[in-house]
Amino acid sequence: MVTTAARPRTRLAGLAARARNIVDSGLCTRTSAVPDWLARLDQFEHLTAAAAADRRATLQILDDDTVTDLLVLSYLRHGTPYRLWADTLTGFAEDVLGIAAWVELHELVDAT
């Protein structure tokens, strides 16, 4: 087996890649093409309005298909599947990149 220096991919990174592939391949080119799009759009808007800690906790407990739909909506509406982490850089680093940081680093990164 060949070893690599790359970190293992997180669940949310894999789902974000899936969302990008769905949109980029043309499988879903508009918001109304997302399954159960009215409920998902409402859920997406509630998540974006929620506090970062609540949003991150919710994303962890949602099933993969639901999170993928939310990330597809994010990509279609904002040009990136990572919109849900726009206000929490440490959340993005932990949830998507899989990088755990120290408490002091969390405060520093969130302050910027």
N, C-alpha and C. Protein backbone atom coordinates (compact mmCIF):
# COMPACT_ATOMS: atom_id res chain seq x y z
N MET A 1 0.83 -1.17 0.00
CA MET A 1 0.00 0.00 0.00
C MET A 1 0.89 1.24 0.00
N VAL A 2 0.51 2.20 -0.80
CA VAL A 2 1.25 3.44 -0.91
C VAL A 2 0.69 4.42 0.11
N THR A 3 1.56 5.04 0.87
CA THR A 3 1.11 6.03 1.83
C THR A 3 1.19 7.42 1.21
N THR A 4 0.32 8.28 1.64
CA THR A 4 0.32 9.65 1.14
C THR A 4 0.38 10.61 2.33
N ALA A 5 0.77 11.82 2.04
CA ALA A 5 0.85 12.83 3.09
C ALA A 5 -0.49 13.55 3.28
N ALA A 6 -1.46 13.27 2.42
CA ALA A 6 -2.74 13.96 2.50
C ALA A 6 -3.55 13.46 3.69
N ARG A 7 -4.25 14.39 4.30
CA ARG A 7 -5.15 14.04 5.40
C ARG A 7 -6.36 13.31 4.85
N PRO A 8 -6.97 12.44 5.63
CA PRO A 8 -8.19 11.80 5.16
C PRO A 8 -9.30 12.83 4.99
N ARG A 9 -10.13 12.62 4.01
CA ARG A 9 -11.22 13.54 3.71
C ARG A 9 -12.31 13.42 4.77
N THR A 10 -12.86 14.55 5.17
CA THR A 10 -13.95 14.54 6.13
C THR A 10 -15.26 14.23 5.42
N ARG A 11 -16.26 13.87 6.19
CA ARG A 11 -17.59 13.58 5.64
C ARG A 11 -18.13 14.78 4.88
N LEU A 12 -18.02 15.97 5.46
CA LEU A 12 -18.58 17.17 4.83
C LEU A 12 -17.78 17.58 3.59
N ALA A 13 -16.49 17.32 3.57
CA ALA A 13 -15.69 17.61 2.37
C ALA A 13 -16.15 16.72 1.22
N GLY A 14 -16.40 15.46 1.52
CA GLY A 14 -16.89 14.54 0.50
C GLY A 14 -18.25 14.94 -0.03
N LEU A 15 -19.12 15.39 0.88
CA LEU A 15 -20.46 15.82 0.47
C LEU A 15 -20.40 17.12 -0.34
N ALA A 16 -19.48 18.01 0.00
CA ALA A 16 -19.31 19.25 -0.78
C ALA A 16 -18.80 18.93 -2.18
N ALA A 17 -17.89 17.97 -2.28
CA ALA A 17 -17.40 17.55 -3.60
C ALA A 17 -18.53 16.93 -4.41
N ARG A 18 -19.38 16.14 -3.76
CA ARG A 18 -20.54 15.56 -4.44
C ARG A 18 -21.47 16.67 -4.94
N ALA A 19 -21.71 17.69 -4.11
CA ALA A 19 -22.58 18.80 -4.51
C ALA A 19 -22.00 19.54 -5.71
N ARG A 20 -20.69 19.79 -5.70
CA ARG A 20 -20.06 20.46 -6.84
C ARG A 20 -20.20 19.62 -8.10
N ASN A 21 -20.01 18.31 -7.98
CA ASN A 21 -20.14 17.43 -9.14
C ASN A 21 -21.56 17.41 -9.69
N ILE A 22 -22.54 17.42 -8.81
CA ILE A 22 -23.95 17.42 -9.24
C ILE A 22 -24.24 18.67 -10.06
N VAL A 23 -23.78 19.82 -9.60
CA VAL A 23 -24.05 21.07 -10.31
C VAL A 23 -23.19 21.18 -11.57
N ASP A 24 -21.90 20.90 -11.44
CA ASP A 24 -20.99 21.06 -12.58
C ASP A 24 -21.29 20.10 -13.72
N SER A 25 -21.83 18.93 -13.41
CA SER A 25 -22.14 17.96 -14.46
C SER A 25 -23.46 18.26 -15.15
N GLY A 26 -24.23 19.21 -14.63
CA GLY A 26 -25.49 19.58 -15.23
C GLY A 26 -26.68 18.79 -14.73
N LEU A 27 -26.48 17.94 -13.72
CA LEU A 27 -27.59 17.18 -13.17
C LEU A 27 -28.60 18.08 -12.46
N CYS A 28 -28.12 19.17 -11.92
CA CYS A 28 -28.99 20.11 -11.20
C CYS A 28 -28.52 21.52 -11.55
N THR A 29 -29.31 22.21 -12.36
CA THR A 29 -28.89 23.54 -12.82
C THR A 29 -29.73 24.68 -12.25
N ARG A 30 -30.76 24.34 -11.50
CA ARG A 30 -31.61 25.37 -10.90
C ARG A 30 -32.13 24.89 -9.55
N THR A 31 -32.52 25.81 -8.74
CA THR A 31 -32.97 25.50 -7.38
C THR A 31 -34.14 24.52 -7.38
N SER A 32 -35.06 24.67 -8.28
CA SER A 32 -36.25 23.81 -8.29
C SER A 32 -35.94 22.38 -8.72
N ALA A 33 -34.72 22.10 -9.17
CA ALA A 33 -34.34 20.74 -9.53
C ALA A 33 -33.87 19.93 -8.33
N VAL A 34 -33.65 20.59 -7.21
CA VAL A 34 -33.25 19.89 -5.99
C VAL A 34 -34.46 19.14 -5.44
N PRO A 35 -34.30 17.85 -5.09
CA PRO A 35 -35.44 17.12 -4.54
C PRO A 35 -36.01 17.81 -3.29
N ASP A 36 -37.34 17.89 -3.24
CA ASP A 36 -38.05 18.53 -2.13
C ASP A 36 -37.49 19.93 -1.88
N TRP A 37 -37.36 20.68 -2.97
CA TRP A 37 -36.62 21.93 -2.95
C TRP A 37 -37.23 23.01 -2.05
N LEU A 38 -38.52 23.07 -1.91
CA LEU A 38 -39.11 24.09 -1.04
C LEU A 38 -38.71 23.88 0.42
N ALA A 39 -38.79 22.64 0.87
CA ALA A 39 -38.40 22.33 2.25
C ALA A 39 -36.90 22.53 2.45
N ARG A 40 -36.10 22.13 1.46
CA ARG A 40 -34.64 22.29 1.56
C ARG A 40 -34.25 23.76 1.55
N LEU A 41 -34.91 24.55 0.73
CA LEU A 41 -34.60 25.98 0.68
C LEU A 41 -34.93 26.65 2.00
N ASP A 42 -36.06 26.28 2.59
CA ASP A 42 -36.43 26.79 3.91
C ASP A 42 -35.40 26.36 4.96
N GLN A 43 -34.99 25.11 4.91
CA GLN A 43 -34.00 24.59 5.84
C GLN A 43 -32.66 25.31 5.66
N PHE A 44 -32.26 25.56 4.40
CA PHE A 44 -31.01 26.27 4.12
C PHE A 44 -31.05 27.68 4.69
N GLU A 45 -32.16 28.38 4.50
CA GLU A 45 -32.26 29.75 5.01
C GLU A 45 -32.26 29.78 6.53
N HIS A 46 -32.89 28.80 7.17
CA HIS A 46 -32.84 28.72 8.64
C HIS A 46 -31.42 28.45 9.12
N LEU A 47 -30.71 27.58 8.42
CA LEU A 47 -29.33 27.27 8.81
C LEU A 47 -28.42 28.48 8.65
N THR A 48 -28.56 29.22 7.56
CA THR A 48 -27.69 30.38 7.37
C THR A 48 -27.96 31.46 8.41
N ALA A 49 -29.19 31.52 8.92
CA ALA A 49 -29.53 32.51 9.95
C ALA A 49 -29.16 32.06 11.35
N ALA A 50 -28.90 30.77 11.53
CA ALA A 50 -28.59 30.23 12.85
C ALA A 50 -27.16 30.58 13.28
N ALA A 51 -26.93 30.49 14.57
CA ALA A 51 -25.58 30.69 15.09
C ALA A 51 -24.66 29.60 14.54
N ALA A 52 -23.38 29.92 14.38
CA ALA A 52 -22.44 28.99 13.77
C ALA A 52 -22.38 27.66 14.51
N ALA A 53 -22.38 27.67 15.82
CA ALA A 53 -22.30 26.42 16.59
C ALA A 53 -23.53 25.55 16.36
N ASP A 54 -24.71 26.18 16.32
CA ASP A 54 -25.95 25.43 16.06
C ASP A 54 -25.95 24.87 14.65
N ARG A 55 -25.50 25.67 13.69
CA ARG A 55 -25.45 25.24 12.29
C ARG A 55 -24.52 24.05 12.13
N ARG A 56 -23.35 24.12 12.75
CA ARG A 56 -22.38 23.02 12.64
C ARG A 56 -22.92 21.75 13.29
N ALA A 57 -23.58 21.89 14.42
CA ALA A 57 -24.14 20.72 15.10
C ALA A 57 -25.26 20.10 14.26
N THR A 58 -26.07 20.92 13.65
CA THR A 58 -27.16 20.43 12.81
C THR A 58 -26.61 19.68 11.60
N LEU A 59 -25.59 20.23 10.96
CA LEU A 59 -24.99 19.56 9.80
C LEU A 59 -24.42 18.19 10.16
N GLN A 60 -23.93 18.05 11.37
CA GLN A 60 -23.37 16.77 11.80
C GLN A 60 -24.43 15.70 11.97
N ILE A 61 -25.66 16.08 12.33
CA ILE A 61 -26.69 15.06 12.59
C ILE A 61 -27.60 14.80 11.39
N LEU A 62 -27.58 15.67 10.39
CA LEU A 62 -28.40 15.46 9.20
C LEU A 62 -27.83 14.32 8.36
N ASP A 63 -28.71 13.61 7.63
CA ASP A 63 -28.24 12.52 6.78
C ASP A 63 -27.53 13.08 5.55
N ASP A 64 -26.75 12.25 4.89
CA ASP A 64 -25.91 12.68 3.77
C ASP A 64 -26.70 13.28 2.61
N ASP A 65 -27.85 12.69 2.29
CA ASP A 65 -28.64 13.22 1.17
C ASP A 65 -29.16 14.62 1.46
N THR A 66 -29.58 14.86 2.67
CA THR A 66 -30.08 16.19 3.04
C THR A 66 -28.96 17.21 2.99
N VAL A 67 -27.80 16.88 3.55
CA VAL A 67 -26.67 17.80 3.53
C VAL A 67 -26.23 18.08 2.10
N THR A 68 -26.21 17.05 1.27
CA THR A 68 -25.84 17.25 -0.14
C THR A 68 -26.81 18.21 -0.82
N ASP A 69 -28.10 18.04 -0.58
CA ASP A 69 -29.09 18.95 -1.15
C ASP A 69 -28.85 20.38 -0.69
N LEU A 70 -28.54 20.56 0.59
CA LEU A 70 -28.28 21.90 1.12
C LEU A 70 -27.03 22.51 0.50
N LEU A 71 -26.01 21.69 0.29
CA LEU A 71 -24.78 22.19 -0.32
C LEU A 71 -24.97 22.49 -1.80
N VAL A 72 -25.82 21.72 -2.47
CA VAL A 72 -26.16 22.03 -3.87
C VAL A 72 -26.87 23.38 -3.93
N LEU A 73 -27.82 23.60 -3.03
CA LEU A 73 -28.50 24.91 -2.98
C LEU A 73 -27.51 26.03 -2.73
N SER A 74 -26.58 25.81 -1.83
CA SER A 74 -25.57 26.81 -1.53
C SER A 74 -24.75 27.12 -2.78
N TYR A 75 -24.37 26.08 -3.51
CA TYR A 75 -23.57 26.26 -4.72
C TYR A 75 -24.35 27.00 -5.80
N LEU A 76 -25.62 26.65 -5.96
CA LEU A 76 -26.45 27.30 -6.97
C LEU A 76 -26.72 28.76 -6.62
N ARG A 77 -26.96 29.05 -5.36
CA ARG A 77 -27.35 30.41 -4.96
C ARG A 77 -26.16 31.34 -4.70
N HIS A 78 -25.04 30.77 -4.22
CA HIS A 78 -23.91 31.62 -3.81
C HIS A 78 -22.61 31.33 -4.55
N GLY A 79 -22.62 30.33 -5.42
CA GLY A 79 -21.42 30.01 -6.18
C GLY A 79 -20.41 29.17 -5.43
N THR A 80 -20.76 28.72 -4.23
CA THR A 80 -19.87 27.88 -3.43
C THR A 80 -20.71 27.00 -2.51
N PRO A 81 -20.30 25.74 -2.35
CA PRO A 81 -21.03 24.89 -1.40
C PRO A 81 -20.65 25.20 0.05
N TYR A 82 -19.69 26.07 0.25
CA TYR A 82 -19.16 26.35 1.59
C TYR A 82 -19.78 27.58 2.24
N ARG A 83 -20.87 28.10 1.74
CA ARG A 83 -21.51 29.30 2.28
C ARG A 83 -21.91 29.14 3.74
N LEU A 84 -22.24 27.93 4.15
CA LEU A 84 -22.68 27.69 5.53
C LEU A 84 -21.54 27.89 6.54
N TRP A 85 -20.32 27.99 6.07
CA TRP A 85 -19.17 28.22 6.96
C TRP A 85 -18.58 29.61 6.75
N ALA A 86 -19.29 30.52 6.11
CA ALA A 86 -18.75 31.84 5.77
C ALA A 86 -18.37 32.64 7.01
N ASP A 87 -19.04 32.43 8.13
CA ASP A 87 -18.77 33.23 9.32
C ASP A 87 -17.98 32.47 10.39
N THR A 88 -17.50 31.28 10.07
CA THR A 88 -16.73 30.52 11.04
C THR A 88 -15.57 29.80 10.36
N LEU A 89 -14.44 30.47 10.33
CA LEU A 89 -13.26 29.88 9.70
C LEU A 89 -12.78 28.63 10.43
N THR A 90 -12.87 28.64 11.75
CA THR A 90 -12.44 27.45 12.48
C THR A 90 -13.41 26.30 12.23
N GLY A 91 -14.69 26.60 12.09
CA GLY A 91 -15.66 25.57 11.75
C GLY A 91 -15.35 24.95 10.41
N PHE A 92 -14.99 25.78 9.43
CA PHE A 92 -14.61 25.27 8.12
C PHE A 92 -13.36 24.40 8.23
N ALA A 93 -12.37 24.88 8.98
CA ALA A 93 -11.14 24.11 9.13
C ALA A 93 -11.40 22.75 9.77
N GLU A 94 -12.26 22.71 10.76
CA GLU A 94 -12.54 21.45 11.45
C GLU A 94 -13.49 20.55 10.65
N ASP A 95 -14.61 21.12 10.17
CA ASP A 95 -15.65 20.32 9.53
C ASP A 95 -15.27 19.86 8.13
N VAL A 96 -14.64 20.72 7.37
CA VAL A 96 -14.35 20.41 5.97
C VAL A 96 -12.91 19.95 5.78
N LEU A 97 -11.97 20.69 6.32
CA LEU A 97 -10.56 20.35 6.13
C LEU A 97 -10.07 19.28 7.08
N GLY A 98 -10.76 19.10 8.20
CA GLY A 98 -10.35 18.09 9.16
C GLY A 98 -9.17 18.50 10.01
N ILE A 99 -8.99 19.79 10.18
CA ILE A 99 -7.88 20.32 10.97
C ILE A 99 -8.40 20.75 12.33
N ALA A 100 -7.91 20.14 13.38
CA ALA A 100 -8.28 20.54 14.74
C ALA A 100 -7.28 21.60 15.21
N ALA A 101 -7.79 22.69 15.74
CA ALA A 101 -6.93 23.78 16.19
C ALA A 101 -7.07 23.98 17.69
N TRP A 102 -6.13 24.66 18.27
CA TRP A 102 -6.18 24.97 19.69
C TRP A 102 -7.22 26.04 19.97
N VAL A 103 -7.64 26.13 21.19
CA VAL A 103 -8.66 27.09 21.58
C VAL A 103 -8.22 28.51 21.26
N GLU A 104 -6.97 28.83 21.55
CA GLU A 104 -6.47 30.18 21.27
C GLU A 104 -6.48 30.47 19.78
N LEU A 105 -6.13 29.48 18.99
CA LEU A 105 -6.14 29.65 17.54
C LEU A 105 -7.56 29.85 17.02
N HIS A 106 -8.52 29.16 17.64
CA HIS A 106 -9.93 29.35 17.27
C HIS A 106 -10.31 30.81 17.44
N GLU A 107 -10.00 31.37 18.58
CA GLU A 107 -10.36 32.76 18.86
C GLU A 107 -9.69 33.71 17.88
N LEU A 108 -8.43 33.45 17.57
CA LEU A 108 -7.68 34.30 16.66
C LEU A 108 -8.25 34.23 15.25
N VAL A 109 -8.51 33.03 14.77
CA VAL A 109 -9.02 32.87 13.41
C VAL A 109 -10.42 33.44 13.29
N ASP A 110 -11.29 33.19 14.27
CA ASP A 110 -12.65 33.73 14.22
C ASP A 110 -12.66 35.25 14.30
N ALA A 111 -11.66 35.83 14.97
CA ALA A 111 -11.59 37.28 15.08
C ALA A 111 -11.24 37.94 13.75
N THR A 112 -10.53 37.21 12.88
CA THR A 112 -10.17 37.77 11.57
C THR A 112 -11.28 37.50 10.66
